[in-house]
Amino acid sequence: MKDHDAETERRRNSLAIGIWENEGGAPGRDSMDDHYGRRVEADRSWTVYHVFTGVPARPGGEAMIGLSRSDATRGMLSLNLRNVGRRQERECLQVAPGGAEAEGCVS
């Protein structure tokens, strides 16, 4: 009986990790800004989507649907990385008290 319970737990963990990976991994700080994931559709194509709205991503106006898994992964990582860069730029534009630059910013 314990072997069955252990196998069930392993399957649950595997499913949770798969979902986590498809949603772009661990969300970073300020993850409500723009965070994209990928999902497989009924026709076995992949879609890159905004994880909080479920709407397909549209960089440049073109919906990211009907993709291969590798293209969806690349697109998801690119969008999330681009948003990390924007977030860092925003933080650098906010001047710390006393006129000091935010930590990690280059003048």
PDB file of N, CA and C in Angstrom:
ATOM      1  N   MET A   1       0.818  -1.197   0.000  1.00  0.00           N
ATOM      2  CA  MET A   1       0.000   0.000   0.000  1.00  0.00           C
ATOM      3  C   MET A   1       0.862   1.261   0.000  1.00  0.00           C
ATOM      4  N   LYS A   2       1.965   1.242   0.746  1.00  0.00           N
ATOM      5  CA  LYS A   2       2.821   2.415   0.818  1.00  0.00           C
ATOM      6  C   LYS A   2       3.470   2.698  -0.530  1.00  0.00           C
ATOM      7  N   ASP A   3       3.809   1.649  -1.301  1.00  0.00           N
ATOM      8  CA  ASP A   3       4.387   1.855  -2.627  1.00  0.00           C
ATOM      9  C   ASP A   3       3.394   2.579  -3.536  1.00  0.00           C
ATOM     10  N   HIS A   4       2.131   2.222  -3.440  1.00  0.00           N
ATOM     11  CA  HIS A   4       1.095   2.871  -4.245  1.00  0.00           C
ATOM     12  C   HIS A   4       0.982   4.349  -3.863  1.00  0.00           C
ATOM     13  N   ASP A   5       0.998   4.647  -2.571  1.00  0.00           N
ATOM     14  CA  ASP A   5       0.921   6.033  -2.101  1.00  0.00           C
ATOM     15  C   ASP A   5       2.117   6.847  -2.587  1.00  0.00           C
ATOM     16  N   ALA A   6       3.300   6.241  -2.548  1.00  0.00           N
ATOM     17  CA  ALA A   6       4.508   6.929  -2.995  1.00  0.00           C
ATOM     18  C   ALA A   6       4.438   7.205  -4.495  1.00  0.00           C
ATOM     19  N   GLU A   7       3.957   6.242  -5.267  1.00  0.00           N
ATOM     20  CA  GLU A   7       3.831   6.423  -6.710  1.00  0.00           C
ATOM     21  C   GLU A   7       2.810   7.519  -7.035  1.00  0.00           C
ATOM     22  N   THR A   8       1.712   7.538  -6.313  1.00  0.00           N
ATOM     23  CA  THR A   8       0.693   8.574  -6.509  1.00  0.00           C
ATOM     24  C   THR A   8       1.276   9.948  -6.210  1.00  0.00           C
ATOM     25  N   GLU A   9       2.040  10.052  -5.144  1.00  0.00           N
ATOM     26  CA  GLU A   9       2.666  11.328  -4.782  1.00  0.00           C
ATOM     27  C   GLU A   9       3.678  11.763  -5.844  1.00  0.00           C
ATOM     28  N   ARG A  10       4.467  10.834  -6.373  1.00  0.00           N
ATOM     29  CA  ARG A  10       5.428  11.148  -7.433  1.00  0.00           C
ATOM     30  C   ARG A  10       4.707  11.670  -8.677  1.00  0.00           C
ATOM     31  N   ARG A  11       3.582  11.038  -9.009  1.00  0.00           N
ATOM     32  CA  ARG A  11       2.817  11.491 -10.184  1.00  0.00           C
ATOM     33  C   ARG A  11       2.254  12.891  -9.962  1.00  0.00           C
ATOM     34  N   ARG A  12       1.743  13.142  -8.765  1.00  0.00           N
ATOM     35  CA  ARG A  12       1.221  14.480  -8.448  1.00  0.00           C
ATOM     36  C   ARG A  12       2.321  15.532  -8.569  1.00  0.00           C
ATOM     37  N   ASN A  13       3.497  15.203  -8.023  1.00  0.00           N
ATOM     38  CA  ASN A  13       4.627  16.138  -8.098  1.00  0.00           C
ATOM     39  C   ASN A  13       5.051  16.379  -9.543  1.00  0.00           C
ATOM     40  N   SER A  14       5.081  15.319 -10.330  1.00  0.00           N
ATOM     41  CA  SER A  14       5.461  15.438 -11.727  1.00  0.00           C
ATOM     42  C   SER A  14       4.477  16.324 -12.488  1.00  0.00           C
ATOM     43  N   LEU A  15       3.201  16.146 -12.231  1.00  0.00           N
ATOM     44  CA  LEU A  15       2.176  16.975 -12.869  1.00  0.00           C
ATOM     45  C   LEU A  15       2.331  18.438 -12.451  1.00  0.00           C
ATOM     46  N   ALA A  16       2.559  18.681 -11.172  1.00  0.00           N
ATOM     47  CA  ALA A  16       2.722  20.053 -10.676  1.00  0.00           C
ATOM     48  C   ALA A  16       3.935  20.719 -11.306  1.00  0.00           C
ATOM     49  N   ILE A  17       5.030  19.985 -11.437  1.00  0.00           N
ATOM     50  CA  ILE A  17       6.239  20.537 -12.052  1.00  0.00           C
ATOM     51  C   ILE A  17       5.979  20.843 -13.519  1.00  0.00           C
ATOM     52  N   GLY A  18       5.265  19.961 -14.219  1.00  0.00           N
ATOM     53  CA  GLY A  18       4.937  20.209 -15.617  1.00  0.00           C
ATOM     54  C   GLY A  18       4.114  21.465 -15.790  1.00  0.00           C
ATOM     55  N   ILE A  19       3.129  21.662 -14.932  1.00  0.00           N
ATOM     56  CA  ILE A  19       2.301  22.871 -14.988  1.00  0.00           C
ATOM     57  C   ILE A  19       3.158  24.092 -14.708  1.00  0.00           C
ATOM     58  N   TRP A  20       3.998  23.995 -13.688  1.00  0.00           N
ATOM     59  CA  TRP A  20       4.886  25.101 -13.308  1.00  0.00           C
ATOM     60  C   TRP A  20       5.786  25.485 -14.476  1.00  0.00           C
ATOM     61  N   GLU A  21       6.388  24.475 -15.151  1.00  0.00           N
ATOM     62  CA  GLU A  21       7.271  24.760 -16.279  1.00  0.00           C
ATOM     63  C   GLU A  21       6.504  25.388 -17.434  1.00  0.00           C
ATOM     64  N   ASN A  22       5.291  24.898 -17.705  1.00  0.00           N
ATOM     65  CA  ASN A  22       4.498  25.440 -18.797  1.00  0.00           C
ATOM     66  C   ASN A  22       4.085  26.872 -18.542  1.00  0.00           C
ATOM     67  N   GLU A  23       4.022  27.265 -17.299  1.00  0.00           N
ATOM     68  CA  GLU A  23       3.647  28.629 -16.959  1.00  0.00           C
ATOM     69  C   GLU A  23       4.857  29.532 -16.780  1.00  0.00           C
ATOM     70  N   GLY A  24       6.008  29.070 -17.229  1.00  0.00           N
ATOM     71  CA  GLY A  24       7.186  29.935 -17.231  1.00  0.00           C
ATOM     72  C   GLY A  24       8.069  29.794 -16.016  1.00  0.00           C
ATOM     73  N   GLY A  25       7.823  28.828 -15.163  1.00  0.00           N
ATOM     74  CA  GLY A  25       8.646  28.651 -13.977  1.00  0.00           C
ATOM     75  C   GLY A  25       8.231  29.567 -12.857  1.00  0.00           C
ATOM     76  N   ALA A  26       9.124  29.735 -11.929  1.00  0.00           N
ATOM     77  CA  ALA A  26       8.807  30.537 -10.744  1.00  0.00           C
ATOM     78  C   ALA A  26       8.640  32.001 -11.107  1.00  0.00           C
ATOM     79  N   PRO A  27       7.532  32.596 -10.715  1.00  0.00           N
ATOM     80  CA  PRO A  27       7.375  34.024 -10.987  1.00  0.00           C
ATOM     81  C   PRO A  27       8.329  34.832 -10.127  1.00  0.00           C
ATOM     82  N   GLY A  28       8.852  35.881 -10.710  1.00  0.00           N
ATOM     83  CA  GLY A  28       9.752  36.739  -9.960  1.00  0.00           C
ATOM     84  C   GLY A  28       8.989  37.812  -9.220  1.00  0.00           C
ATOM     85  N   ARG A  29       9.739  38.703  -8.613  1.00  0.00           N
ATOM     86  CA  ARG A  29       9.158  39.849  -7.951  1.00  0.00           C
ATOM     87  C   ARG A  29       8.376  40.650  -8.984  1.00  0.00           C
ATOM     88  N   ASP A  30       7.289  41.260  -8.580  1.00  0.00           N
ATOM     89  CA  ASP A  30       6.422  42.027  -9.479  1.00  0.00           C
ATOM     90  C   ASP A  30       5.850  41.168 -10.596  1.00  0.00           C
ATOM     91  N   SER A  31       5.551  39.914 -10.307  1.00  0.00           N
ATOM     92  CA  SER A  31       5.098  39.005 -11.347  1.00  0.00           C
ATOM     93  C   SER A  31       3.752  39.381 -11.930  1.00  0.00           C
ATOM     94  N   MET A  32       3.022  40.322 -11.314  1.00  0.00           N
ATOM     95  CA  MET A  32       1.740  40.724 -11.858  1.00  0.00           C
ATOM     96  C   MET A  32       1.914  41.614 -13.085  1.00  0.00           C
ATOM     97  N   ASP A  33       3.121  42.140 -13.328  1.00  0.00           N
ATOM     98  CA  ASP A  33       3.330  43.018 -14.478  1.00  0.00           C
ATOM     99  C   ASP A  33       2.965  42.275 -15.753  1.00  0.00           C
ATOM    100  N   ASP A  34       3.854  41.552 -16.296  1.00  0.00           N
ATOM    101  CA  ASP A  34       3.623  40.745 -17.485  1.00  0.00           C
ATOM    102  C   ASP A  34       4.348  39.440 -17.292  1.00  0.00           C
ATOM    103  N   HIS A  35       3.586  38.391 -17.231  1.00  0.00           N
ATOM    104  CA  HIS A  35       4.166  37.071 -17.049  1.00  0.00           C
ATOM    105  C   HIS A  35       3.485  36.137 -18.028  1.00  0.00           C
ATOM    106  N   TYR A  36       4.267  35.493 -18.856  1.00  0.00           N
ATOM    107  CA  TYR A  36       3.728  34.650 -19.909  1.00  0.00           C
ATOM    108  C   TYR A  36       4.061  33.192 -19.650  1.00  0.00           C
ATOM    109  N   GLY A  37       3.162  32.335 -20.076  1.00  0.00           N
ATOM    110  CA  GLY A  37       3.354  30.898 -19.991  1.00  0.00           C
ATOM    111  C   GLY A  37       3.099  30.291 -21.361  1.00  0.00           C
ATOM    112  N   ARG A  38       3.179  28.962 -21.436  1.00  0.00           N
ATOM    113  CA  ARG A  38       2.874  28.261 -22.677  1.00  0.00           C
ATOM    114  C   ARG A  38       1.921  27.124 -22.353  1.00  0.00           C
ATOM    115  N   ARG A  39       1.090  26.791 -23.307  1.00  0.00           N
ATOM    116  CA  ARG A  39       0.155  25.682 -23.101  1.00  0.00           C
ATOM    117  C   ARG A  39      -0.007  24.931 -24.412  1.00  0.00           C
ATOM    118  N   VAL A  40      -0.291  23.647 -24.264  1.00  0.00           N
ATOM    119  CA  VAL A  40      -0.549  22.819 -25.439  1.00  0.00           C
ATOM    120  C   VAL A  40      -2.054  22.856 -25.699  1.00  0.00           C
ATOM    121  N   GLU A  41      -2.410  22.995 -26.953  1.00  0.00           N
ATOM    122  CA  GLU A  41      -3.813  23.082 -27.346  1.00  0.00           C
ATOM    123  C   GLU A  41      -4.322  21.705 -27.792  1.00  0.00           C
ATOM    124  N   ALA A  42      -5.615  21.603 -28.022  1.00  0.00           N
ATOM    125  CA  ALA A  42      -6.243  20.331 -28.414  1.00  0.00           C
ATOM    126  C   ALA A  42      -5.647  19.778 -29.711  1.00  0.00           C
ATOM    127  N   ASP A  43      -5.221  20.654 -30.617  1.00  0.00           N
ATOM    128  CA  ASP A  43      -4.632  20.188 -31.881  1.00  0.00           C
ATOM    129  C   ASP A  43      -3.132  19.893 -31.755  1.00  0.00           C
ATOM    130  N   ARG A  44      -2.631  19.893 -30.519  1.00  0.00           N
ATOM    131  CA  ARG A  44      -1.242  19.590 -30.164  1.00  0.00           C
ATOM    132  C   ARG A  44      -0.269  20.711 -30.558  1.00  0.00           C
ATOM    133  N   SER A  45      -0.785  21.863 -30.956  1.00  0.00           N
ATOM    134  CA  SER A  45       0.071  23.030 -31.165  1.00  0.00           C
ATOM    135  C   SER A  45       0.206  23.731 -29.817  1.00  0.00           C
ATOM    136  N   TRP A  46       1.094  24.711 -29.777  1.00  0.00           N
ATOM    137  CA  TRP A  46       1.365  25.414 -28.527  1.00  0.00           C
ATOM    138  C   TRP A  46       1.001  26.889 -28.660  1.00  0.00           C
ATOM    139  N   THR A  47       0.608  27.484 -27.531  1.00  0.00           N
ATOM    140  CA  THR A  47       0.247  28.891 -27.457  1.00  0.00           C
ATOM    141  C   THR A  47       1.024  29.539 -26.326  1.00  0.00           C
ATOM    142  N   VAL A  48       1.532  30.744 -26.554  1.00  0.00           N
ATOM    143  CA  VAL A  48       2.121  31.555 -25.488  1.00  0.00           C
ATOM    144  C   VAL A  48       1.016  32.496 -25.034  1.00  0.00           C
ATOM    145  N   TYR A  49       0.779  32.542 -23.725  1.00  0.00           N
ATOM    146  CA  TYR A  49      -0.351  33.315 -23.211  1.00  0.00           C
ATOM    147  C   TYR A  49       0.014  34.065 -21.943  1.00  0.00           C
ATOM    148  N   HIS A  50      -0.763  35.110 -21.663  1.00  0.00           N
ATOM    149  CA  HIS A  50      -0.608  35.884 -20.437  1.00  0.00           C
ATOM    150  C   HIS A  50      -1.233  35.069 -19.310  1.00  0.00           C
ATOM    151  N   VAL A  51      -0.444  34.716 -18.289  1.00  0.00           N
ATOM    152  CA  VAL A  51      -0.923  33.764 -17.285  1.00  0.00           C
ATOM    153  C   VAL A  51      -2.053  34.290 -16.413  1.00  0.00           C
ATOM    154  N   PHE A  52      -2.229  35.598 -16.329  1.00  0.00           N
ATOM    155  CA  PHE A  52      -3.292  36.121 -15.471  1.00  0.00           C
ATOM    156  C   PHE A  52      -4.596  36.327 -16.212  1.00  0.00           C
ATOM    157  N   THR A  53      -4.534  36.453 -17.549  1.00  0.00           N
ATOM    158  CA  THR A  53      -5.769  36.642 -18.320  1.00  0.00           C
ATOM    159  C   THR A  53      -6.111  35.439 -19.183  1.00  0.00           C
ATOM    160  N   GLY A  54      -5.100  34.617 -19.512  1.00  0.00           N
ATOM    161  CA  GLY A  54      -5.321  33.472 -20.389  1.00  0.00           C
ATOM    162  C   GLY A  54      -5.342  33.834 -21.866  1.00  0.00           C
ATOM    163  N   VAL A  55      -5.169  35.101 -22.185  1.00  0.00           N
ATOM    164  CA  VAL A  55      -5.226  35.589 -23.564  1.00  0.00           C
ATOM    165  C   VAL A  55      -3.879  35.327 -24.253  1.00  0.00           C
ATOM    166  N   PRO A  56      -3.905  34.828 -25.516  1.00  0.00           N
ATOM    167  CA  PRO A  56      -2.643  34.623 -26.229  1.00  0.00           C
ATOM    168  C   PRO A  56      -1.835  35.920 -26.319  1.00  0.00           C
ATOM    169  N   ALA A  57      -0.531  35.781 -26.169  1.00  0.00           N
ATOM    170  CA  ALA A  57       0.378  36.927 -26.288  1.00  0.00           C
ATOM    171  C   ALA A  57       0.339  37.436 -27.727  1.00  0.00           C
ATOM    172  N   ARG A  58       0.497  38.760 -27.881  1.00  0.00           N
ATOM    173  CA  ARG A  58       0.441  39.384 -29.206  1.00  0.00           C
ATOM    174  C   ARG A  58       1.578  40.389 -29.388  1.00  0.00           C
ATOM    175  N   PRO A  59       2.839  39.965 -29.301  1.00  0.00           N
ATOM    176  CA  PRO A  59       3.914  40.931 -29.534  1.00  0.00           C
ATOM    177  C   PRO A  59       3.909  41.350 -30.998  1.00  0.00           C
ATOM    178  N   GLY A  60       3.932  42.623 -31.243  1.00  0.00           N
ATOM    179  CA  GLY A  60       3.901  43.108 -32.621  1.00  0.00           C
ATOM    180  C   GLY A  60       2.553  42.888 -33.297  1.00  0.00           C
ATOM    181  N   GLY A  61       1.512  42.575 -32.529  1.00  0.00           N
ATOM    182  CA  GLY A  61       0.179  42.410 -33.082  1.00  0.00           C
ATOM    183  C   GLY A  61      -0.152  41.013 -33.580  1.00  0.00           C
ATOM    184  N   GLU A  62       0.806  40.113 -33.620  1.00  0.00           N
ATOM    185  CA  GLU A  62       0.602  38.749 -34.115  1.00  0.00           C
ATOM    186  C   GLU A  62       0.409  37.796 -32.934  1.00  0.00           C
ATOM    187  N   ALA A  63      -0.729  37.102 -32.886  1.00  0.00           N
ATOM    188  CA  ALA A  63      -1.000  36.163 -31.786  1.00  0.00           C
ATOM    189  C   ALA A  63      -0.016  35.000 -31.833  1.00  0.00           C
ATOM    190  N   MET A  64       0.492  34.620 -30.668  1.00  0.00           N
ATOM    191  CA  MET A  64       1.457  33.520 -30.577  1.00  0.00           C
ATOM    192  C   MET A  64       0.702  32.207 -30.371  1.00  0.00           C
ATOM    193  N   ILE A  65       0.080  31.734 -31.451  1.00  0.00           N
ATOM    194  CA  ILE A  65      -0.694  30.487 -31.436  1.00  0.00           C
ATOM    195  C   ILE A  65      -0.206  29.589 -32.563  1.00  0.00           C
ATOM    196  N   GLY A  66      -0.523  28.290 -32.469  1.00  0.00           N
ATOM    197  CA  GLY A  66      -0.141  27.357 -33.522  1.00  0.00           C
ATOM    198  C   GLY A  66       1.347  27.110 -33.599  1.00  0.00           C
ATOM    199  N   LEU A  67       2.041  27.225 -32.485  1.00  0.00           N
ATOM    200  CA  LEU A  67       3.499  27.104 -32.447  1.00  0.00           C
ATOM    201  C   LEU A  67       3.950  25.688 -32.130  1.00  0.00           C
ATOM    202  N   SER A  68       5.199  25.394 -32.450  1.00  0.00           N
ATOM    203  CA  SER A  68       5.819  24.156 -31.970  1.00  0.00           C
ATOM    204  C   SER A  68       6.174  24.378 -30.501  1.00  0.00           C
ATOM    205  N   ARG A  69       6.458  23.300 -29.798  1.00  0.00           N
ATOM    206  CA  ARG A  69       6.818  23.435 -28.376  1.00  0.00           C
ATOM    207  C   ARG A  69       8.074  24.284 -28.215  1.00  0.00           C
ATOM    208  N   SER A  70       9.078  24.057 -29.058  1.00  0.00           N
ATOM    209  CA  SER A  70      10.330  24.813 -28.909  1.00  0.00           C
ATOM    210  C   SER A  70      10.121  26.296 -29.233  1.00  0.00           C
ATOM    211  N   ASP A  71       9.301  26.609 -30.242  1.00  0.00           N
ATOM    212  CA  ASP A  71       9.033  28.021 -30.557  1.00  0.00           C
ATOM    213  C   ASP A  71       8.250  28.684 -29.425  1.00  0.00           C
ATOM    214  N   ALA A  72       7.303  27.955 -28.843  1.00  0.00           N
ATOM    215  CA  ALA A  72       6.528  28.502 -27.727  1.00  0.00           C
ATOM    216  C   ALA A  72       7.438  28.749 -26.525  1.00  0.00           C
ATOM    217  N   THR A  73       8.338  27.831 -26.264  1.00  0.00           N
ATOM    218  CA  THR A  73       9.265  27.993 -25.141  1.00  0.00           C
ATOM    219  C   THR A  73      10.151  29.211 -25.362  1.00  0.00           C
ATOM    220  N   ARG A  74      10.711  29.322 -26.569  1.00  0.00           N
ATOM    221  CA  ARG A  74      11.564  30.463 -26.901  1.00  0.00           C
ATOM    222  C   ARG A  74      10.792  31.772 -26.771  1.00  0.00           C
ATOM    223  N   GLY A  75       9.574  31.810 -27.296  1.00  0.00           N
ATOM    224  CA  GLY A  75       8.764  33.017 -27.229  1.00  0.00           C
ATOM    225  C   GLY A  75       8.418  33.404 -25.806  1.00  0.00           C
ATOM    226  N   MET A  76       8.039  32.417 -25.008  1.00  0.00           N
ATOM    227  CA  MET A  76       7.688  32.664 -23.608  1.00  0.00           C
ATOM    228  C   MET A  76       8.890  33.223 -22.845  1.00  0.00           C
ATOM    229  N   LEU A  77      10.037  32.586 -23.003  1.00  0.00           N
ATOM    230  CA  LEU A  77      11.238  33.038 -22.295  1.00  0.00           C
ATOM    231  C   LEU A  77      11.655  34.429 -22.759  1.00  0.00           C
ATOM    232  N   SER A  78      11.542  34.691 -24.053  1.00  0.00           N
ATOM    233  CA  SER A  78      11.906  35.998 -24.585  1.00  0.00           C
ATOM    234  C   SER A  78      10.999  37.095 -24.029  1.00  0.00           C
ATOM    235  N   LEU A  79       9.689  36.852 -24.021  1.00  0.00           N
ATOM    236  CA  LEU A  79       8.759  37.853 -23.491  1.00  0.00           C
ATOM    237  C   LEU A  79       9.008  38.108 -22.010  1.00  0.00           C
ATOM    238  N   ASN A  80       9.201  37.042 -21.241  1.00  0.00           N
ATOM    239  CA  ASN A  80       9.429  37.207 -19.811  1.00  0.00           C
ATOM    240  C   ASN A  80      10.752  37.912 -19.539  1.00  0.00           C
ATOM    241  N   LEU A  81      11.781  37.604 -20.310  1.00  0.00           N
ATOM    242  CA  LEU A  81      13.077  38.262 -20.140  1.00  0.00           C
ATOM    243  C   LEU A  81      12.985  39.737 -20.515  1.00  0.00           C
ATOM    244  N   ARG A  82      12.267  40.027 -21.578  1.00  0.00           N
ATOM    245  CA  ARG A  82      12.073  41.426 -21.988  1.00  0.00           C
ATOM    246  C   ARG A  82      11.380  42.212 -20.879  1.00  0.00           C
ATOM    247  N   ASN A  83      10.411  41.590 -20.238  1.00  0.00           N
ATOM    248  CA  ASN A  83       9.677  42.271 -19.176  1.00  0.00           C
ATOM    249  C   ASN A  83      10.529  42.464 -17.930  1.00  0.00           C
ATOM    250  N   VAL A  84      11.444  41.540 -17.671  1.00  0.00           N
ATOM    251  CA  VAL A  84      12.370  41.707 -16.547  1.00  0.00           C
ATOM    252  C   VAL A  84      13.242  42.934 -16.816  1.00  0.00           C
ATOM    253  N   GLY A  85      13.719  43.077 -18.061  1.00  0.00           N
ATOM    254  CA  GLY A  85      14.534  44.232 -18.420  1.00  0.00           C
ATOM    255  C   GLY A  85      13.779  45.540 -18.255  1.00  0.00           C
ATOM    256  N   ARG A  86      12.518  45.559 -18.673  1.00  0.00           N
ATOM    257  CA  ARG A  86      11.706  46.771 -18.512  1.00  0.00           C
ATOM    258  C   ARG A  86      11.502  47.106 -17.045  1.00  0.00           C
ATOM    259  N   ARG A  87      11.266  46.088 -16.247  1.00  0.00           N
ATOM    260  CA  ARG A  87      11.055  46.296 -14.809  1.00  0.00           C
ATOM    261  C   ARG A  87      12.316  46.885 -14.179  1.00  0.00           C
ATOM    262  N   GLN A  88      13.481  46.363 -14.565  1.00  0.00           N
ATOM    263  CA  GLN A  88      14.736  46.888 -14.027  1.00  0.00           C
ATOM    264  C   GLN A  88      14.958  48.338 -14.448  1.00  0.00           C
ATOM    265  N   GLU A  89      14.622  48.660 -15.695  1.00  0.00           N
ATOM    266  CA  GLU A  89      14.752  50.043 -16.154  1.00  0.00           C
ATOM    267  C   GLU A  89      13.849  50.970 -15.351  1.00  0.00           C
ATOM    268  N   ARG A  90      12.607  50.531 -15.107  1.00  0.00           N
ATOM    269  CA  ARG A  90      11.666  51.335 -14.323  1.00  0.00           C
ATOM    270  C   ARG A  90      12.202  51.589 -12.929  1.00  0.00           C
ATOM    271  N   GLU A  91      12.766  50.535 -12.322  1.00  0.00           N
ATOM    272  CA  GLU A  91      13.304  50.670 -10.972  1.00  0.00           C
ATOM    273  C   GLU A  91      14.485  51.637 -10.955  1.00  0.00           C
ATOM    274  N   CYS A  92      15.293  51.623 -12.004  1.00  0.00           N
ATOM    275  CA  CYS A  92      16.450  52.522 -12.067  1.00  0.00           C
ATOM    276  C   CYS A  92      16.023  53.968 -12.252  1.00  0.00           C
ATOM    277  N   LEU A  93      14.882  54.185 -12.888  1.00  0.00           N
ATOM    278  CA  LEU A  93      14.391  55.546 -13.089  1.00  0.00           C
ATOM    279  C   LEU A  93      13.833  56.151 -11.805  1.00  0.00           C
ATOM    280  N   GLN A  94      13.491  55.292 -10.866  1.00  0.00           N
ATOM    281  CA  GLN A  94      12.987  55.780  -9.585  1.00  0.00           C
ATOM    282  C   GLN A  94      14.193  56.130  -8.725  1.00  0.00           C
ATOM    283  N   VAL A  95      14.344  57.371  -8.414  1.00  0.00           N
ATOM    284  CA  VAL A  95      15.496  57.827  -7.633  1.00  0.00           C
ATOM    285  C   VAL A  95      15.245  57.545  -6.164  1.00  0.00           C
ATOM    286  N   ALA A  96      16.245  56.993  -5.535  1.00  0.00           N
ATOM    287  CA  ALA A  96      16.154  56.686  -4.105  1.00  0.00           C
ATOM    288  C   ALA A  96      16.191  57.979  -3.305  1.00  0.00           C
ATOM    289  N   PRO A  97      15.724  57.956  -2.049  1.00  0.00           N
ATOM    290  CA  PRO A  97      15.777  59.153  -1.202  1.00  0.00           C
ATOM    291  C   PRO A  97      17.208  59.701  -1.126  1.00  0.00           C
ATOM    292  N   GLY A  98      17.331  61.007  -1.177  1.00  0.00           N
ATOM    293  CA  GLY A  98      18.647  61.643  -1.108  1.00  0.00           C
ATOM    294  C   GLY A  98      19.315  61.756  -2.465  1.00  0.00           C
ATOM    295  N   GLY A  99      18.603  61.363  -3.535  1.00  0.00           N
ATOM    296  CA  GLY A  99      19.145  61.497  -4.885  1.00  0.00           C
ATOM    297  C   GLY A  99      20.022  60.348  -5.323  1.00  0.00           C
ATOM    298  N   ALA A 100      20.192  59.328  -4.489  1.00  0.00           N
ATOM    299  CA  ALA A 100      21.042  58.195  -4.853  1.00  0.00           C
ATOM    300  C   ALA A 100      20.327  57.316  -5.879  1.00  0.00           C
ATOM    301  N   GLU A 101      21.098  56.703  -6.777  1.00  0.00           N
ATOM    302  CA  GLU A 101      20.504  55.780  -7.737  1.00  0.00           C
ATOM    303  C   GLU A 101      20.115  54.496  -7.040  1.00  0.00           C
ATOM    304  N   ALA A 102      19.127  53.813  -7.612  1.00  0.00           N
ATOM    305  CA  ALA A 102      18.717  52.520  -7.089  1.00  0.00           C
ATOM    306  C   ALA A 102      19.864  51.535  -7.232  1.00  0.00           C
ATOM    307  N   GLU A 103      19.926  50.563  -6.355  1.00  0.00           N
ATOM    308  CA  GLU A 103      20.988  49.564  -6.362  1.00  0.00           C
ATOM    309  C   GLU A 103      20.989  48.785  -7.670  1.00  0.00           C
ATOM    310  N   GLY A 104      22.181  48.556  -8.225  1.00  0.00           N
ATOM    311  CA  GLY A 104      22.319  47.778  -9.448  1.00  0.00           C
ATOM    312  C   GLY A 104      22.160  48.577 -10.718  1.00  0.00           C
ATOM    313  N   CYS A 105      21.953  49.881 -10.637  1.00  0.00           N
ATOM    314  CA  CYS A 105      21.777  50.721 -11.810  1.00  0.00           C
ATOM    315  C   CYS A 105      23.113  51.325 -12.229  1.00  0.00           C
ATOM    316  N   VAL A 106      23.306  51.419 -13.525  1.00  0.00           N
ATOM    317  CA  VAL A 106      24.521  52.008 -14.065  1.00  0.00           C
ATOM    318  C   VAL A 106      24.171  53.356 -14.664  1.00  0.00           C
ATOM    319  N   SER A 107      24.996  54.380 -14.327  1.00  0.00           N
ATOM    320  CA  SER A 107      24.708  55.706 -14.881  1.00  0.00           C
ATOM    321  C   SER A 107      25.296  55.853 -16.246  1.00  0.00           C
TER     322      SER A 107
END
